[in-house]
């Protein structure tokens, strides 16, 4: 079954009501590697409830809340889900996330873009994350690269949307203002999938090989969380409430067990604005690029 533009674009998503507890906020932080160093007290506000002021949630916990599940695997979508890759993630936070609570995720498909036969297609899904009282907590846009679905618009009655505004590349030939290094645990993908993304690409070596990877890869949103924590640690004193926006492109896969190095630049003349990217030290390869962040 091939993609049908109108069927997919108008696909309904039931609101996802979710309760999360402090245990979930702690497990999320631990899945990103906070706590790898038991003597690093900067991690404790997110992994231990016993400090003054209580537990805090990492802002990127929003990406796993109100999630509609791995719906692209359902037959009616027409998506070749084995070849699906997370291309970009864009998030704006409107309020700090509490460490526990009730939320509602409201998803819709905003863009479906045909790159051409053999070049894939782009799918953009927006999710509005609201509190149970209706307060907007975060707006998330997930850009997914459908590697096996290009050329669908050549069939009669099909269409293709205009792309999102492109993310700006990070500076070349300019020394970064901050650098952060994080070791990714070998079991990181198996831990992170407990957040709700059960794509076997991140767990089953046979599925990973079928998709063209040497072994299971880390979830894009896990590396996104790692980069956000690097930014907060280097530029915001670990204050999670200061993150307002973070957009980034997933340039290459990250493998569990590698070392992620995040490079950050201040945007001249724009207070609280940063550009960033990340590479894996072992391969000296850029894996996240075109990053733009805003801190309060």
Protein backbone atom coordinates (compact mmCIF):
# COMPACT_ATOMS: atom_id res chain seq x y z
CA UNK A 1 0.00 0.00 0.00
CA UNK A 2 1.35 3.43 -1.01
CA UNK A 3 0.82 6.77 0.69
CA UNK A 4 -2.47 8.52 -0.06
CA UNK A 5 -1.94 12.24 0.58
CA UNK A 6 -5.51 13.12 1.56
CA UNK A 7 -6.05 10.01 3.67
CA UNK A 8 -2.81 10.52 5.59
CA UNK A 9 -3.06 14.30 5.91
CA UNK A 10 -6.54 14.03 7.42
CA UNK A 11 -5.76 11.09 9.65
CA UNK A 12 -7.57 11.62 12.98
CA UNK A 13 -5.71 11.30 16.29
CA UNK A 14 -7.66 10.81 19.48
CA UNK A 15 -6.45 13.03 22.32
CA UNK A 16 -3.98 11.12 24.51
CA UNK A 17 -4.68 11.60 28.21
CA UNK A 18 -1.71 10.68 30.35
CA UNK A 19 -0.90 10.70 34.03
CA UNK A 20 2.79 10.72 34.89
CA UNK A 21 4.33 10.42 38.32
CA UNK A 22 7.63 11.57 39.80
CA UNK A 23 8.93 8.08 39.14
CA UNK A 24 8.39 8.63 35.40
CA UNK A 25 10.25 11.95 35.48
CA UNK A 26 13.17 10.27 37.26
CA UNK A 27 13.21 7.29 34.87
CA UNK A 28 13.27 9.70 31.92
CA UNK A 29 16.29 11.53 33.35
CA UNK A 30 18.06 8.24 34.11
CA UNK A 31 17.41 7.00 30.54
CA UNK A 32 19.39 10.03 29.29
CA UNK A 33 22.31 9.19 31.53
CA UNK A 34 21.75 11.63 34.37
CA UNK A 35 23.14 9.80 37.37
CA UNK A 36 25.93 8.06 35.47
CA UNK A 37 28.26 9.88 37.84
CA UNK A 38 26.81 9.38 41.33
CA UNK A 39 28.91 12.29 42.67
CA UNK A 40 27.63 14.83 40.13
CA UNK A 41 25.09 16.73 42.23
CA UNK A 42 23.86 18.73 39.22
CA UNK A 43 21.83 15.65 38.26
CA UNK A 44 20.11 15.24 41.62
CA UNK A 45 17.21 17.72 41.12
CA UNK A 46 15.99 15.44 38.30
CA UNK A 47 16.80 12.02 39.78
CA UNK A 48 16.21 12.42 43.53
CA UNK A 49 13.13 13.69 45.35
CA UNK A 50 14.87 14.49 48.65
CA UNK A 51 16.32 17.92 47.87
CA UNK A 52 14.81 21.19 49.07
CA UNK A 53 12.10 22.20 46.61
CA UNK A 54 11.44 18.61 45.59
CA UNK A 55 11.92 16.85 42.28
CA UNK A 56 12.04 18.76 38.99
CA UNK A 57 11.27 17.51 35.49
CA UNK A 58 13.61 17.95 32.56
CA UNK A 59 11.78 20.10 29.99
CA UNK A 60 12.38 17.53 27.25
CA UNK A 61 10.17 15.10 29.16
CA UNK A 62 7.48 16.83 27.06
CA UNK A 63 8.55 14.86 23.97
CA UNK A 64 7.38 11.56 25.51
CA UNK A 65 4.12 12.84 27.04
CA UNK A 66 0.80 12.61 25.20
CA UNK A 67 2.57 10.59 22.52
CA UNK A 68 0.12 8.84 20.15
CA UNK A 69 2.31 5.76 19.79
CA UNK A 70 4.11 4.28 16.79
CA UNK A 71 1.08 4.83 14.57
CA UNK A 72 3.15 4.96 11.34
CA UNK A 73 3.39 1.17 11.57
CA UNK A 74 -0.36 0.76 11.07
CA UNK A 75 -1.22 -0.60 7.58
CA UNK A 76 -3.70 2.16 6.64
CA UNK A 77 -0.92 4.81 6.62
CA UNK A 78 0.81 3.36 3.55
CA UNK A 79 4.16 4.28 5.14
CA UNK A 80 7.19 2.01 4.65
CA UNK A 81 7.84 2.24 8.39
CA UNK A 82 11.06 0.19 8.40
CA UNK A 83 12.74 2.99 6.42
CA UNK A 84 11.31 5.77 8.58
CA UNK A 85 13.79 8.15 10.25
CA UNK A 86 13.31 11.06 12.63
CA UNK A 87 14.62 14.08 10.67
CA UNK A 88 14.11 17.10 12.94
CA UNK A 89 12.53 18.01 16.25
CA UNK A 90 11.21 21.48 17.04
CA UNK A 91 9.77 22.34 20.45
CA UNK A 92 8.59 25.52 22.15
CA UNK A 93 7.85 25.47 25.87
CA UNK A 94 5.13 27.78 27.15
CA UNK A 95 5.29 26.74 30.81
CA UNK A 96 7.70 24.66 32.91
CA UNK A 97 6.64 21.02 33.23
CA UNK A 98 5.72 19.88 36.72
CA UNK A 99 7.46 16.75 38.02
CA UNK A 100 4.13 14.90 37.96
CA UNK A 101 0.64 15.58 36.69
CA UNK A 102 -2.09 14.98 34.13
CA UNK A 103 -1.55 16.05 30.51
CA UNK A 104 -3.36 15.78 27.18
CA UNK A 105 -1.56 15.38 23.85
CA UNK A 106 -3.40 16.61 20.74
CA UNK A 107 -1.72 15.56 17.50
CA UNK A 108 -2.29 16.38 13.85
CA UNK A 109 -0.38 16.07 10.59
CA UNK A 110 0.49 19.53 9.29
CA UNK A 111 2.73 18.78 6.29
CA UNK A 112 3.32 15.95 3.81
CA UNK A 113 6.04 16.78 1.33
CA UNK A 114 7.15 14.64 -1.63
CA UNK A 115 10.89 14.86 -2.33
CA UNK A 116 10.58 12.73 -5.48
CA UNK A 117 11.00 9.13 -6.59
CA UNK A 118 13.93 7.57 -4.79
CA UNK A 119 14.37 10.66 -2.58
CA UNK A 120 11.72 9.99 0.05
CA UNK A 121 9.01 12.15 1.59
CA UNK A 122 8.75 14.40 4.64
CA UNK A 123 5.99 14.13 7.24
CA UNK A 124 5.44 16.82 9.90
CA UNK A 125 3.35 15.99 12.95
CA UNK A 126 2.39 18.69 15.46
CA UNK A 127 1.52 17.84 19.06
CA UNK A 128 0.08 20.33 21.50
CA UNK A 129 0.73 19.27 25.07
CA UNK A 130 -1.79 20.69 27.52
CA UNK A 131 -2.40 20.34 31.23
CA UNK A 132 -5.64 18.74 32.37
CA UNK A 133 -6.87 22.30 33.02
CA UNK A 134 -6.29 23.23 29.36
CA UNK A 135 -3.07 25.27 29.80
CA UNK A 136 -0.71 24.92 26.85
CA UNK A 137 2.59 23.53 28.15
CA UNK A 138 4.51 22.88 24.91
CA UNK A 139 4.09 22.78 21.14
CA UNK A 140 6.09 20.07 19.40
CA UNK A 141 6.74 19.54 15.70
CA UNK A 142 8.26 16.23 14.65
CA UNK A 143 9.76 16.08 11.17
CA UNK A 144 9.97 12.49 9.90
CA UNK A 145 11.90 11.37 6.82
CA UNK A 146 10.02 8.64 4.98
CA UNK A 147 12.89 7.16 2.98
CA UNK A 148 10.76 4.61 1.15
CA UNK A 149 7.83 6.81 0.12
CA UNK A 150 9.10 9.35 -2.39
CA UNK A 151 7.26 9.92 -5.67
CA UNK A 152 3.76 9.39 -4.28
CA UNK A 153 2.57 12.75 -5.67
CA UNK A 154 3.07 11.54 -9.25
CA UNK A 155 -0.13 9.51 -8.96
CA UNK A 156 -3.43 11.13 -9.92
CA UNK A 157 -5.17 13.11 -7.19
CA UNK A 158 -2.13 13.33 -4.94
CA UNK A 159 -0.50 16.51 -3.62
CA UNK A 160 2.60 17.81 -1.84
CA UNK A 161 2.87 20.62 0.72
CA UNK A 162 5.43 23.41 0.93
CA UNK A 163 8.33 22.60 3.29
CA UNK A 164 8.84 24.16 6.71
CA UNK A 165 11.24 27.14 6.94
CA UNK A 166 14.74 25.68 6.92
CA UNK A 167 16.87 25.62 10.07
CA UNK A 168 20.04 27.71 9.85
CA UNK A 169 23.39 25.87 9.82
CA UNK A 170 25.74 26.23 12.76
CA UNK A 171 28.83 28.47 12.36
CA UNK A 172 31.76 27.08 10.39
CA UNK A 173 35.32 28.06 11.21
CA UNK A 174 34.27 29.79 14.42
CA UNK A 175 35.29 28.47 17.83
CA UNK A 176 32.36 27.43 19.99
CA UNK A 177 31.64 29.26 23.24
CA UNK A 178 30.78 26.10 25.19
CA UNK A 179 31.54 22.39 24.84
CA UNK A 180 29.87 19.56 26.74
CA UNK A 181 30.72 15.84 26.71
CA UNK A 182 28.35 13.02 27.69
CA UNK A 183 28.94 9.27 27.70
CA UNK A 184 25.96 7.29 26.36
CA UNK A 185 25.38 4.05 28.23
CA UNK A 186 25.39 0.83 26.11
CA UNK A 187 21.80 0.02 27.19
CA UNK A 188 20.54 3.57 26.64
CA UNK A 189 18.18 2.71 23.76
CA UNK A 190 16.61 -0.16 25.70
CA UNK A 191 15.99 2.18 28.63
CA UNK A 192 14.69 5.03 26.50
CA UNK A 193 12.16 2.86 24.65
CA UNK A 194 10.37 2.47 28.00
CA UNK A 195 9.32 6.10 27.49
CA UNK A 196 6.85 4.83 24.87
CA UNK A 197 8.66 4.59 21.52
CA UNK A 198 8.81 0.84 20.90
CA UNK A 199 10.16 0.95 17.35
CA UNK A 200 12.20 -2.29 17.14
CA UNK A 201 14.88 -0.40 15.21
CA UNK A 202 16.21 0.61 18.64
CA UNK A 203 16.20 -2.87 20.16
CA UNK A 204 16.34 -5.69 17.58
CA UNK A 205 19.65 -6.12 15.68
CA UNK A 206 17.85 -7.91 12.84
CA UNK A 207 15.46 -4.99 12.30
CA UNK A 208 18.35 -2.53 12.51
CA UNK A 209 20.30 -4.44 9.83
CA UNK A 210 17.23 -4.56 7.60
CA UNK A 211 17.01 -0.76 7.88
CA UNK A 212 20.66 -0.42 6.91
CA UNK A 213 22.34 0.02 10.31
CA UNK A 214 25.08 -2.13 11.80
CA UNK A 215 23.24 -2.37 15.13
CA UNK A 216 20.28 -0.79 16.98
CA UNK A 217 20.52 2.99 17.06
CA UNK A 218 19.64 5.47 19.78
CA UNK A 219 16.29 7.22 19.51
CA UNK A 220 16.59 10.66 17.97
CA UNK A 221 14.61 12.10 20.86
CA UNK A 222 17.09 10.61 23.34
CA UNK A 223 19.96 12.45 21.68
CA UNK A 224 17.69 15.54 21.60
CA UNK A 225 17.28 15.26 25.37
CA UNK A 226 21.02 14.86 25.82
CA UNK A 227 21.73 18.02 23.83
CA UNK A 228 19.08 19.97 25.77
CA UNK A 229 20.64 18.90 29.08
CA UNK A 230 24.10 19.88 27.77
CA UNK A 231 22.74 23.34 26.91
CA UNK A 232 21.10 23.76 30.32
CA UNK A 233 24.20 22.56 32.13
CA UNK A 234 26.59 24.81 30.22
CA UNK A 235 24.49 27.94 29.72
CA UNK A 236 21.71 27.97 32.33
CA UNK A 237 23.30 26.58 35.50
CA UNK A 238 21.11 23.48 35.14
CA UNK A 239 17.91 25.54 35.55
CA UNK A 240 15.34 23.56 33.54
CA UNK A 241 12.74 26.32 33.72
CA UNK A 242 14.83 28.58 31.47
CA UNK A 243 14.49 26.52 28.27
CA UNK A 244 12.01 28.17 25.90
CA UNK A 245 12.73 26.56 22.52
CA UNK A 246 15.01 24.01 20.89
CA UNK A 247 15.02 23.05 17.20
CA UNK A 248 17.54 20.62 15.76
CA UNK A 249 18.20 18.32 12.81
CA UNK A 250 19.19 14.68 13.18
CA UNK A 251 22.11 14.42 10.76
CA UNK A 252 23.31 10.86 11.42
CA UNK A 253 22.52 7.98 13.76
CA UNK A 254 23.93 7.78 17.26
CA UNK A 255 24.82 4.37 18.68
CA UNK A 256 24.52 3.49 22.35
CA UNK A 257 27.96 3.36 23.95
CA UNK A 258 29.31 6.36 22.06
CA UNK A 259 30.33 9.76 23.48
CA UNK A 260 28.23 12.78 22.52
CA UNK A 261 30.05 16.12 22.30
CA UNK A 262 27.75 19.17 22.14
CA UNK A 263 29.17 22.42 20.72
CA UNK A 264 27.35 25.67 21.50
CA UNK A 265 27.66 29.21 20.14
CA UNK A 266 26.07 32.40 21.46
CA UNK A 267 24.14 34.29 18.77
CA UNK A 268 25.77 37.74 18.66
CA UNK A 269 23.51 40.58 19.76
CA UNK A 270 20.64 38.25 20.73
CA UNK A 271 20.54 37.56 24.45
CA UNK A 272 19.42 34.04 25.33
CA UNK A 273 19.82 32.77 21.74
CA UNK A 274 22.21 29.95 20.90
CA UNK A 275 23.23 27.76 17.99
CA UNK A 276 24.41 24.22 18.58
CA UNK A 277 25.34 20.90 17.12
CA UNK A 278 26.64 17.57 18.40
CA UNK A 279 29.13 14.98 17.20
CA UNK A 280 30.20 11.55 18.39
CA UNK A 281 33.81 11.58 19.56
CA UNK A 282 34.64 8.02 18.49
CA UNK A 283 33.77 8.64 14.85
CA UNK A 284 34.30 12.44 14.85
CA UNK A 285 30.99 12.66 13.02
CA UNK A 286 28.30 15.35 13.25
CA UNK A 287 25.10 13.62 14.34
CA UNK A 288 22.88 16.60 15.25
CA UNK A 289 23.12 19.87 13.36
CA UNK A 290 21.36 23.15 12.56
CA UNK A 291 20.44 23.58 16.24
CA UNK A 292 18.81 26.75 17.53
CA UNK A 293 17.84 27.30 21.17
CA UNK A 294 16.31 30.01 23.31
CA UNK A 295 16.84 30.46 27.05
CA UNK A 296 14.97 32.88 29.30
